[in-house]
Amino acid sequence: MTVIYKYPILGDRTGYSEFEIDMPFDAELIGIQEIDDIAYIYALVNTECINQKRRFCIVCTGTPIANPYRMSYIGRFTSGALVYHLLEILH
């Protein structure tokens, strides 16, 4: 069965932070949104697929990115006056 799930973005908001989320291997990322000061990734997931760890990073606008060619841009969210960008780290 395919459903939409949300996953909290758990990385630190210190400029650049990496973190992992367990989600079905074929999950399609469809957006991010902040609700009550917590940012979430929304994804279409097949509940019958096995989970895998997917790596992400949060980057504050103006912060250097070590290897941007191995990342896929997901979206952005704000926290106060700061804008953060979410990228998936590709293998």
PDB file of N, CA and C in Angstrom:
ATOM      1  N   MET A   1       0.850  -1.176   0.000  1.00  0.00           N
ATOM      2  CA  MET A   1       0.000   0.000   0.000  1.00  0.00           C
ATOM      3  C   MET A   1       0.896   1.240   0.000  1.00  0.00           C
ATOM      4  N   THR A   2       0.535   2.241  -0.766  1.00  0.00           N
ATOM      5  CA  THR A   2       1.277   3.499  -0.824  1.00  0.00           C
ATOM      6  C   THR A   2       0.550   4.559  -0.011  1.00  0.00           C
ATOM      7  N   VAL A   3       1.300   5.222   0.862  1.00  0.00           N
ATOM      8  CA  VAL A   3       0.750   6.264   1.722  1.00  0.00           C
ATOM      9  C   VAL A   3       1.743   7.423   1.785  1.00  0.00           C
ATOM     10  N   ILE A   4       1.304   8.554   2.318  1.00  0.00           N
ATOM     11  CA  ILE A   4       2.205   9.676   2.578  1.00  0.00           C
ATOM     12  C   ILE A   4       2.559   9.652   4.057  1.00  0.00           C
ATOM     13  N   TYR A   5       3.866   9.626   4.342  1.00  0.00           N
ATOM     14  CA  TYR A   5       4.364   9.688   5.709  1.00  0.00           C
ATOM     15  C   TYR A   5       5.177  10.966   5.873  1.00  0.00           C
ATOM     16  N   LYS A   6       5.293  11.396   7.126  1.00  0.00           N
ATOM     17  CA  LYS A   6       6.192  12.508   7.416  1.00  0.00           C
ATOM     18  C   LYS A   6       7.255  12.015   8.390  1.00  0.00           C
ATOM     19  N   TYR A   7       8.464  12.549   8.197  1.00  0.00           N
ATOM     20  CA  TYR A   7       9.616  12.175   8.999  1.00  0.00           C
ATOM     21  C   TYR A   7      10.238  13.450   9.558  1.00  0.00           C
ATOM     22  N   PRO A   8      10.467  13.524  10.871  1.00  0.00           N
ATOM     23  CA  PRO A   8      11.077  14.743  11.427  1.00  0.00           C
ATOM     24  C   PRO A   8      12.516  14.903  10.949  1.00  0.00           C
ATOM     25  N   ILE A   9      12.897  16.128  10.678  1.00  0.00           N
ATOM     26  CA  ILE A   9      14.266  16.460  10.296  1.00  0.00           C
ATOM     27  C   ILE A   9      15.028  16.689  11.593  1.00  0.00           C
ATOM     28  N   LEU A  10      15.960  15.782  11.892  1.00  0.00           N
ATOM     29  CA  LEU A  10      16.596  15.760  13.205  1.00  0.00           C
ATOM     30  C   LEU A  10      17.972  16.408  13.259  1.00  0.00           C
ATOM     31  N   GLY A  11      18.464  16.935  12.168  1.00  0.00           N
ATOM     32  CA  GLY A  11      19.799  17.534  12.166  1.00  0.00           C
ATOM     33  C   GLY A  11      19.847  18.823  12.968  1.00  0.00           C
ATOM     34  N   ASP A  12      21.045  19.149  13.450  1.00  0.00           N
ATOM     35  CA  ASP A  12      21.257  20.415  14.162  1.00  0.00           C
ATOM     36  C   ASP A  12      21.132  21.579  13.194  1.00  0.00           C
ATOM     37  N   ARG A  13      20.718  22.686  13.697  1.00  0.00           N
ATOM     38  CA  ARG A  13      20.623  23.892  12.873  1.00  0.00           C
ATOM     39  C   ARG A  13      21.793  24.807  13.196  1.00  0.00           C
ATOM     40  N   THR A  14      22.994  24.309  12.886  1.00  0.00           N
ATOM     41  CA  THR A  14      24.216  25.028  13.239  1.00  0.00           C
ATOM     42  C   THR A  14      24.957  25.526  12.014  1.00  0.00           C
ATOM     43  N   GLY A  15      24.349  25.513  10.867  1.00  0.00           N
ATOM     44  CA  GLY A  15      25.004  25.918   9.620  1.00  0.00           C
ATOM     45  C   GLY A  15      25.068  24.762   8.660  1.00  0.00           C
ATOM     46  N   TYR A  16      25.653  23.612   9.108  1.00  0.00           N
ATOM     47  CA  TYR A  16      25.722  22.406   8.286  1.00  0.00           C
ATOM     48  C   TYR A  16      25.609  21.210   9.223  1.00  0.00           C
ATOM     49  N   SER A  17      24.689  20.306   8.922  1.00  0.00           N
ATOM     50  CA  SER A  17      24.472  19.146   9.783  1.00  0.00           C
ATOM     51  C   SER A  17      24.006  17.969   8.935  1.00  0.00           C
ATOM     52  N   GLU A  18      24.581  16.787   9.167  1.00  0.00           N
ATOM     53  CA  GLU A  18      24.166  15.568   8.471  1.00  0.00           C
ATOM     54  C   GLU A  18      23.398  14.662   9.431  1.00  0.00           C
ATOM     55  N   PHE A  19      22.453  13.900   8.875  1.00  0.00           N
ATOM     56  CA  PHE A  19      21.670  12.962   9.678  1.00  0.00           C
ATOM     57  C   PHE A  19      21.099  11.885   8.766  1.00  0.00           C
ATOM     58  N   GLU A  20      20.568  10.805   9.361  1.00  0.00           N
ATOM     59  CA  GLU A  20      19.988   9.696   8.607  1.00  0.00           C
ATOM     60  C   GLU A  20      18.541   9.489   9.018  1.00  0.00           C
ATOM     61  N   ILE A  21      17.749   8.979   8.068  1.00  0.00           N
ATOM     62  CA  ILE A  21      16.361   8.613   8.328  1.00  0.00           C
ATOM     63  C   ILE A  21      16.132   7.231   7.741  1.00  0.00           C
ATOM     64  N   ASP A  22      15.491   6.344   8.512  1.00  0.00           N
ATOM     65  CA  ASP A  22      15.066   5.044   7.995  1.00  0.00           C
ATOM     66  C   ASP A  22      13.730   5.229   7.296  1.00  0.00           C
ATOM     67  N   MET A  23      13.693   4.865   6.010  1.00  0.00           N
ATOM     68  CA  MET A  23      12.442   4.919   5.257  1.00  0.00           C
ATOM     69  C   MET A  23      12.507   3.868   4.153  1.00  0.00           C
ATOM     70  N   PRO A  24      11.350   3.453   3.619  1.00  0.00           N
ATOM     71  CA  PRO A  24      11.373   2.459   2.549  1.00  0.00           C
ATOM     72  C   PRO A  24      12.298   2.890   1.410  1.00  0.00           C
ATOM     73  N   PHE A  25      13.015   1.916   0.842  1.00  0.00           N
ATOM     74  CA  PHE A  25      14.077   2.223  -0.128  1.00  0.00           C
ATOM     75  C   PHE A  25      13.574   2.967  -1.350  1.00  0.00           C
ATOM     76  N   ASP A  26      12.313   2.795  -1.718  1.00  0.00           N
ATOM     77  CA  ASP A  26      11.801   3.463  -2.917  1.00  0.00           C
ATOM     78  C   ASP A  26      10.937   4.685  -2.596  1.00  0.00           C
ATOM     79  N   ALA A  27      11.037   5.201  -1.368  1.00  0.00           N
ATOM     80  CA  ALA A  27      10.226   6.355  -0.977  1.00  0.00           C
ATOM     81  C   ALA A  27      10.529   7.546  -1.884  1.00  0.00           C
ATOM     82  N   GLU A  28       9.466   8.216  -2.320  1.00  0.00           N
ATOM     83  CA  GLU A  28       9.610   9.402  -3.172  1.00  0.00           C
ATOM     84  C   GLU A  28       9.402  10.647  -2.314  1.00  0.00           C
ATOM     85  N   LEU A  29      10.443  11.460  -2.186  1.00  0.00           N
ATOM     86  CA  LEU A  29      10.363  12.670  -1.378  1.00  0.00           C
ATOM     87  C   LEU A  29       9.520  13.702  -2.109  1.00  0.00           C
ATOM     88  N   ILE A  30       8.508  14.228  -1.432  1.00  0.00           N
ATOM     89  CA  ILE A  30       7.579  15.133  -2.110  1.00  0.00           C
ATOM     90  C   ILE A  30       7.549  16.537  -1.510  1.00  0.00           C
ATOM     91  N   GLY A  31       8.247  16.771  -0.399  1.00  0.00           N
ATOM     92  CA  GLY A  31       8.280  18.132   0.131  1.00  0.00           C
ATOM     93  C   GLY A  31       8.729  18.177   1.573  1.00  0.00           C
ATOM     94  N   ILE A  32       8.928  19.400   2.066  1.00  0.00           N
ATOM     95  CA  ILE A  32       9.245  19.620   3.474  1.00  0.00           C
ATOM     96  C   ILE A  32       8.388  20.770   3.981  1.00  0.00           C
ATOM     97  N   GLN A  33       8.112  20.731   5.291  1.00  0.00           N
ATOM     98  CA  GLN A  33       7.322  21.786   5.908  1.00  0.00           C
ATOM     99  C   GLN A  33       7.649  21.835   7.389  1.00  0.00           C
ATOM    100  N   GLU A  34       7.627  23.030   7.947  1.00  0.00           N
ATOM    101  CA  GLU A  34       7.839  23.190   9.375  1.00  0.00           C
ATOM    102  C   GLU A  34       6.493  23.381  10.066  1.00  0.00           C
ATOM    103  N   ILE A  35       6.284  22.594  11.126  1.00  0.00           N
ATOM    104  CA  ILE A  35       5.062  22.678  11.923  1.00  0.00           C
ATOM    105  C   ILE A  35       5.482  22.787  13.385  1.00  0.00           C
ATOM    106  N   ASP A  36       5.058  23.841  14.064  1.00  0.00           N
ATOM    107  CA  ASP A  36       5.384  24.048  15.480  1.00  0.00           C
ATOM    108  C   ASP A  36       6.884  23.909  15.747  1.00  0.00           C
ATOM    109  N   ASP A  37       7.700  24.575  14.948  1.00  0.00           N
ATOM    110  CA  ASP A  37       9.163  24.612  15.094  1.00  0.00           C
ATOM    111  C   ASP A  37       9.854  23.280  14.818  1.00  0.00           C
ATOM    112  N   ILE A  38       9.161  22.320  14.223  1.00  0.00           N
ATOM    113  CA  ILE A  38       9.779  21.058  13.809  1.00  0.00           C
ATOM    114  C   ILE A  38       9.590  20.925  12.305  1.00  0.00           C
ATOM    115  N   ALA A  39      10.698  20.714  11.585  1.00  0.00           N
ATOM    116  CA  ALA A  39      10.633  20.538  10.136  1.00  0.00           C
ATOM    117  C   ALA A  39      10.441  19.050   9.823  1.00  0.00           C
ATOM    118  N   TYR A  40       9.645  18.763   8.800  1.00  0.00           N
ATOM    119  CA  TYR A  40       9.349  17.390   8.399  1.00  0.00           C
ATOM    120  C   TYR A  40       9.596  17.206   6.909  1.00  0.00           C
ATOM    121  N   ILE A  41      10.067  16.002   6.557  1.00  0.00           N
ATOM    122  CA  ILE A  41      10.132  15.563   5.164  1.00  0.00           C
ATOM    123  C   ILE A  41       8.875  14.743   4.913  1.00  0.00           C
ATOM    124  N   TYR A  42       8.180  15.032   3.828  1.00  0.00           N
ATOM    125  CA  TYR A  42       7.019  14.241   3.430  1.00  0.00           C
ATOM    126  C   TYR A  42       7.421  13.341   2.267  1.00  0.00           C
ATOM    127  N   ALA A  43       6.940  12.103   2.306  1.00  0.00           N
ATOM    128  CA  ALA A  43       7.329  11.140   1.272  1.00  0.00           C
ATOM    129  C   ALA A  43       6.176  10.197   0.958  1.00  0.00           C
ATOM    130  N   LEU A  44       6.076   9.827  -0.328  1.00  0.00           N
ATOM    131  CA  LEU A  44       5.190   8.739  -0.741  1.00  0.00           C
ATOM    132  C   LEU A  44       5.943   7.445  -0.486  1.00  0.00           C
ATOM    133  N   VAL A  45       5.381   6.579   0.344  1.00  0.00           N
ATOM    134  CA  VAL A  45       6.086   5.345   0.684  1.00  0.00           C
ATOM    135  C   VAL A  45       5.202   4.126   0.424  1.00  0.00           C
ATOM    136  N   ASN A  46       5.858   3.054   0.018  1.00  0.00           N
ATOM    137  CA  ASN A  46       5.204   1.759  -0.115  1.00  0.00           C
ATOM    138  C   ASN A  46       5.446   1.034   1.204  1.00  0.00           C
ATOM    139  N   THR A  47       4.400   0.806   1.960  1.00  0.00           N
ATOM    140  CA  THR A  47       4.539   0.225   3.293  1.00  0.00           C
ATOM    141  C   THR A  47       5.005  -1.224   3.257  1.00  0.00           C
ATOM    142  N   GLU A  48       5.018  -1.828   2.094  1.00  0.00           N
ATOM    143  CA  GLU A  48       5.446  -3.226   1.984  1.00  0.00           C
ATOM    144  C   GLU A  48       6.936  -3.355   1.657  1.00  0.00           C
ATOM    145  N   CYS A  49       7.614  -2.245   1.396  1.00  0.00           N
ATOM    146  CA  CYS A  49       9.045  -2.278   1.081  1.00  0.00           C
ATOM    147  C   CYS A  49       9.868  -2.232   2.370  1.00  0.00           C
ATOM    148  N   ILE A  50      11.075  -2.776   2.296  1.00  0.00           N
ATOM    149  CA  ILE A  50      11.963  -2.746   3.453  1.00  0.00           C
ATOM    150  C   ILE A  50      12.576  -1.350   3.601  1.00  0.00           C
ATOM    151  N   ASN A  51      12.915  -1.011   4.836  1.00  0.00           N
ATOM    152  CA  ASN A  51      13.533   0.287   5.116  1.00  0.00           C
ATOM    153  C   ASN A  51      15.026   0.264   4.821  1.00  0.00           C
ATOM    154  N   GLN A  52      15.541   1.425   4.523  1.00  0.00           N
ATOM    155  CA  GLN A  52      16.979   1.621   4.396  1.00  0.00           C
ATOM    156  C   GLN A  52      17.303   2.982   4.985  1.00  0.00           C
ATOM    157  N   LYS A  53      18.550   3.168   5.373  1.00  0.00           N
ATOM    158  CA  LYS A  53      18.985   4.476   5.881  1.00  0.00           C
ATOM    159  C   LYS A  53      19.271   5.389   4.694  1.00  0.00           C
ATOM    160  N   ARG A  54      18.680   6.578   4.727  1.00  0.00           N
ATOM    161  CA  ARG A  54      18.967   7.591   3.712  1.00  0.00           C
ATOM    162  C   ARG A  54      19.599   8.770   4.426  1.00  0.00           C
ATOM    163  N   ARG A  55      20.648   9.326   3.812  1.00  0.00           N
ATOM    164  CA  ARG A  55      21.421  10.398   4.440  1.00  0.00           C
ATOM    165  C   ARG A  55      21.001  11.757   3.878  1.00  0.00           C
ATOM    166  N   PHE A  56      20.907  12.715   4.774  1.00  0.00           N
ATOM    167  CA  PHE A  56      20.506  14.072   4.424  1.00  0.00           C
ATOM    168  C   PHE A  56      21.423  15.060   5.110  1.00  0.00           C
ATOM    169  N   CYS A  57      21.379  16.297   4.644  1.00  0.00           N
ATOM    170  CA  CYS A  57      22.053  17.373   5.360  1.00  0.00           C
ATOM    171  C   CYS A  57      21.181  18.616   5.321  1.00  0.00           C
ATOM    172  N   ILE A  58      21.345  19.414   6.374  1.00  0.00           N
ATOM    173  CA  ILE A  58      20.708  20.724   6.477  1.00  0.00           C
ATOM    174  C   ILE A  58      21.825  21.749   6.320  1.00  0.00           C
ATOM    175  N   VAL A  59      21.602  22.724   5.454  1.00  0.00           N
ATOM    176  CA  VAL A  59      22.591  23.772   5.221  1.00  0.00           C
ATOM    177  C   VAL A  59      21.898  25.119   5.350  1.00  0.00           C
ATOM    178  N   CYS A  60      22.442  25.979   6.195  1.00  0.00           N
ATOM    179  CA  CYS A  60      21.919  27.333   6.326  1.00  0.00           C
ATOM    180  C   CYS A  60      22.404  28.155   5.129  1.00  0.00           C
ATOM    181  N   THR A  61      21.569  29.043   4.624  1.00  0.00           N
ATOM    182  CA  THR A  61      21.956  29.898   3.510  1.00  0.00           C
ATOM    183  C   THR A  61      23.280  30.594   3.824  1.00  0.00           C
ATOM    184  N   GLY A  62      24.227  30.528   2.866  1.00  0.00           N
ATOM    185  CA  GLY A  62      25.527  31.159   3.017  1.00  0.00           C
ATOM    186  C   GLY A  62      26.604  30.256   3.596  1.00  0.00           C
ATOM    187  N   THR A  63      26.237  29.031   4.019  1.00  0.00           N
ATOM    188  CA  THR A  63      27.203  28.090   4.586  1.00  0.00           C
ATOM    189  C   THR A  63      27.835  27.265   3.464  1.00  0.00           C
ATOM    190  N   PRO A  64      29.162  27.098   3.455  1.00  0.00           N
ATOM    191  CA  PRO A  64      29.809  26.278   2.420  1.00  0.00           C
ATOM    192  C   PRO A  64      29.341  24.818   2.468  1.00  0.00           C
ATOM    193  N   ILE A  65      29.250  24.200   1.288  1.00  0.00           N
ATOM    194  CA  ILE A  65      28.869  22.794   1.153  1.00  0.00           C
ATOM    195  C   ILE A  65      30.082  22.041   0.624  1.00  0.00           C
ATOM    196  N   ALA A  66      30.489  20.983   1.335  1.00  0.00           N
ATOM    197  CA  ALA A  66      31.725  20.265   1.015  1.00  0.00           C
ATOM    198  C   ALA A  66      31.712  19.632  -0.381  1.00  0.00           C
ATOM    199  N   ASN A  67      30.674  18.913  -0.736  1.00  0.00           N
ATOM    200  CA  ASN A  67      30.643  18.196  -2.011  1.00  0.00           C
ATOM    201  C   ASN A  67      29.230  18.262  -2.609  1.00  0.00           C
ATOM    202  N   PRO A  68      28.835  19.401  -3.154  1.00  0.00           N
ATOM    203  CA  PRO A  68      27.452  19.577  -3.616  1.00  0.00           C
ATOM    204  C   PRO A  68      27.077  18.686  -4.799  1.00  0.00           C
ATOM    205  N   TYR A  69      28.046  18.127  -5.510  1.00  0.00           N
ATOM    206  CA  TYR A  69      27.735  17.311  -6.684  1.00  0.00           C
ATOM    207  C   TYR A  69      27.234  15.926  -6.310  1.00  0.00           C
ATOM    208  N   ARG A  70      27.368  15.561  -5.051  1.00  0.00           N
ATOM    209  CA  ARG A  70      26.884  14.264  -4.592  1.00  0.00           C
ATOM    210  C   ARG A  70      25.622  14.431  -3.745  1.00  0.00           C
ATOM    211  N   MET A  71      24.864  15.509  -4.026  1.00  0.00           N
ATOM    212  CA  MET A  71      23.657  15.802  -3.261  1.00  0.00           C
ATOM    213  C   MET A  71      22.513  16.156  -4.196  1.00  0.00           C
ATOM    214  N   SER A  72      21.310  15.925  -3.696  1.00  0.00           N
ATOM    215  CA  SER A  72      20.102  16.276  -4.441  1.00  0.00           C
ATOM    216  C   SER A  72      19.279  17.231  -3.575  1.00  0.00           C
ATOM    217  N   TYR A  73      18.923  18.379  -4.138  1.00  0.00           N
ATOM    218  CA  TYR A  73      18.181  19.398  -3.397  1.00  0.00           C
ATOM    219  C   TYR A  73      16.747  18.936  -3.186  1.00  0.00           C
ATOM    220  N   ILE A  74      16.260  19.019  -1.938  1.00  0.00           N
ATOM    221  CA  ILE A  74      14.894  18.609  -1.607  1.00  0.00           C
ATOM    222  C   ILE A  74      13.987  19.825  -1.438  1.00  0.00           C
ATOM    223  N   GLY A  75      14.453  20.824  -0.701  1.00  0.00           N
ATOM    224  CA  GLY A  75      13.626  22.001  -0.465  1.00  0.00           C
ATOM    225  C   GLY A  75      14.211  22.848   0.645  1.00  0.00           C
ATOM    226  N   ARG A  76      13.416  23.815   1.100  1.00  0.00           N
ATOM    227  CA  ARG A  76      13.890  24.727   2.142  1.00  0.00           C
ATOM    228  C   ARG A  76      12.801  24.932   3.180  1.00  0.00           C
ATOM    229  N   PHE A  77      13.248  25.387   4.365  1.00  0.00           N
ATOM    230  CA  PHE A  77      12.319  25.772   5.418  1.00  0.00           C
ATOM    231  C   PHE A  77      12.970  26.896   6.211  1.00  0.00           C
ATOM    232  N   THR A  78      12.166  27.623   6.961  1.00  0.00           N
ATOM    233  CA  THR A  78      12.676  28.758   7.723  1.00  0.00           C
ATOM    234  C   THR A  78      12.555  28.484   9.217  1.00  0.00           C
ATOM    235  N   SER A  79      13.415  29.153   9.958  1.00  0.00           N
ATOM    236  CA  SER A  79      13.350  29.125  11.418  1.00  0.00           C
ATOM    237  C   SER A  79      13.730  30.524  11.879  1.00  0.00           C
ATOM    238  N   GLY A  80      12.743  31.291  12.272  1.00  0.00           N
ATOM    239  CA  GLY A  80      12.989  32.696  12.587  1.00  0.00           C
ATOM    240  C   GLY A  80      13.395  33.413  11.319  1.00  0.00           C
ATOM    241  N   ALA A  81      14.525  34.127  11.374  1.00  0.00           N
ATOM    242  CA  ALA A  81      15.008  34.870  10.208  1.00  0.00           C
ATOM    243  C   ALA A  81      15.920  34.026   9.317  1.00  0.00           C
ATOM    244  N   LEU A  82      16.235  32.788   9.734  1.00  0.00           N
ATOM    245  CA  LEU A  82      17.168  31.948   8.974  1.00  0.00           C
ATOM    246  C   LEU A  82      16.440  31.037   7.990  1.00  0.00           C
ATOM    247  N   VAL A  83      17.100  30.796   6.859  1.00  0.00           N
ATOM    248  CA  VAL A  83      16.562  29.877   5.848  1.00  0.00           C
ATOM    249  C   VAL A  83      17.504  28.677   5.766  1.00  0.00           C
ATOM    250  N   TYR A  84      16.941  27.479   5.888  1.00  0.00           N
ATOM    251  CA  TYR A  84      17.701  26.237   5.817  1.00  0.00           C
ATOM    252  C   TYR A  84      17.308  25.479   4.560  1.00  0.00           C
ATOM    253  N   HIS A  85      18.274  24.758   4.008  1.00  0.00           N
ATOM    254  CA  HIS A  85      18.061  23.969   2.793  1.00  0.00           C
ATOM    255  C   HIS A  85      18.321  22.505   3.124  1.00  0.00           C
ATOM    256  N   LEU A  86      17.445  21.642   2.646  1.00  0.00           N
ATOM    257  CA  LEU A  86      17.579  20.210   2.879  1.00  0.00           C
ATOM    258  C   LEU A  86      18.053  19.549   1.595  1.00  0.00           C
ATOM    259  N   LEU A  87      19.130  18.763   1.707  1.00  0.00           N
ATOM    260  CA  LEU A  87      19.672  18.031   0.563  1.00  0.00           C
ATOM    261  C   LEU A  87      19.832  16.562   0.948  1.00  0.00           C
ATOM    262  N   GLU A  88      19.603  15.670  -0.017  1.00  0.00           N
ATOM    263  CA  GLU A  88      19.871  14.257   0.214  1.00  0.00           C
ATOM    264  C   GLU A  88      21.287  13.962  -0.273  1.00  0.00           C
ATOM    265  N   ILE A  89      22.049  13.267   0.558  1.00  0.00           N
ATOM    266  CA  ILE A  89      23.413  12.881   0.189  1.00  0.00           C
ATOM    267  C   ILE A  89      23.324  11.578  -0.589  1.00  0.00           C
ATOM    268  N   LEU A  90      23.785  11.612  -1.836  1.00  0.00           N
ATOM    269  CA  LEU A  90      23.687  10.453  -2.712  1.00  0.00           C
ATOM    270  C   LEU A  90      24.922   9.572  -2.567  1.00  0.00           C
ATOM    271  N   HIS A  91      24.741   8.288  -2.820  1.00  0.00           N
ATOM    272  CA  HIS A  91      25.871   7.334  -2.703  1.00  0.00           C
ATOM    273  C   HIS A  91      26.653   7.269  -3.986  1.00  0.00           C
TER     274      HIS A  91
END
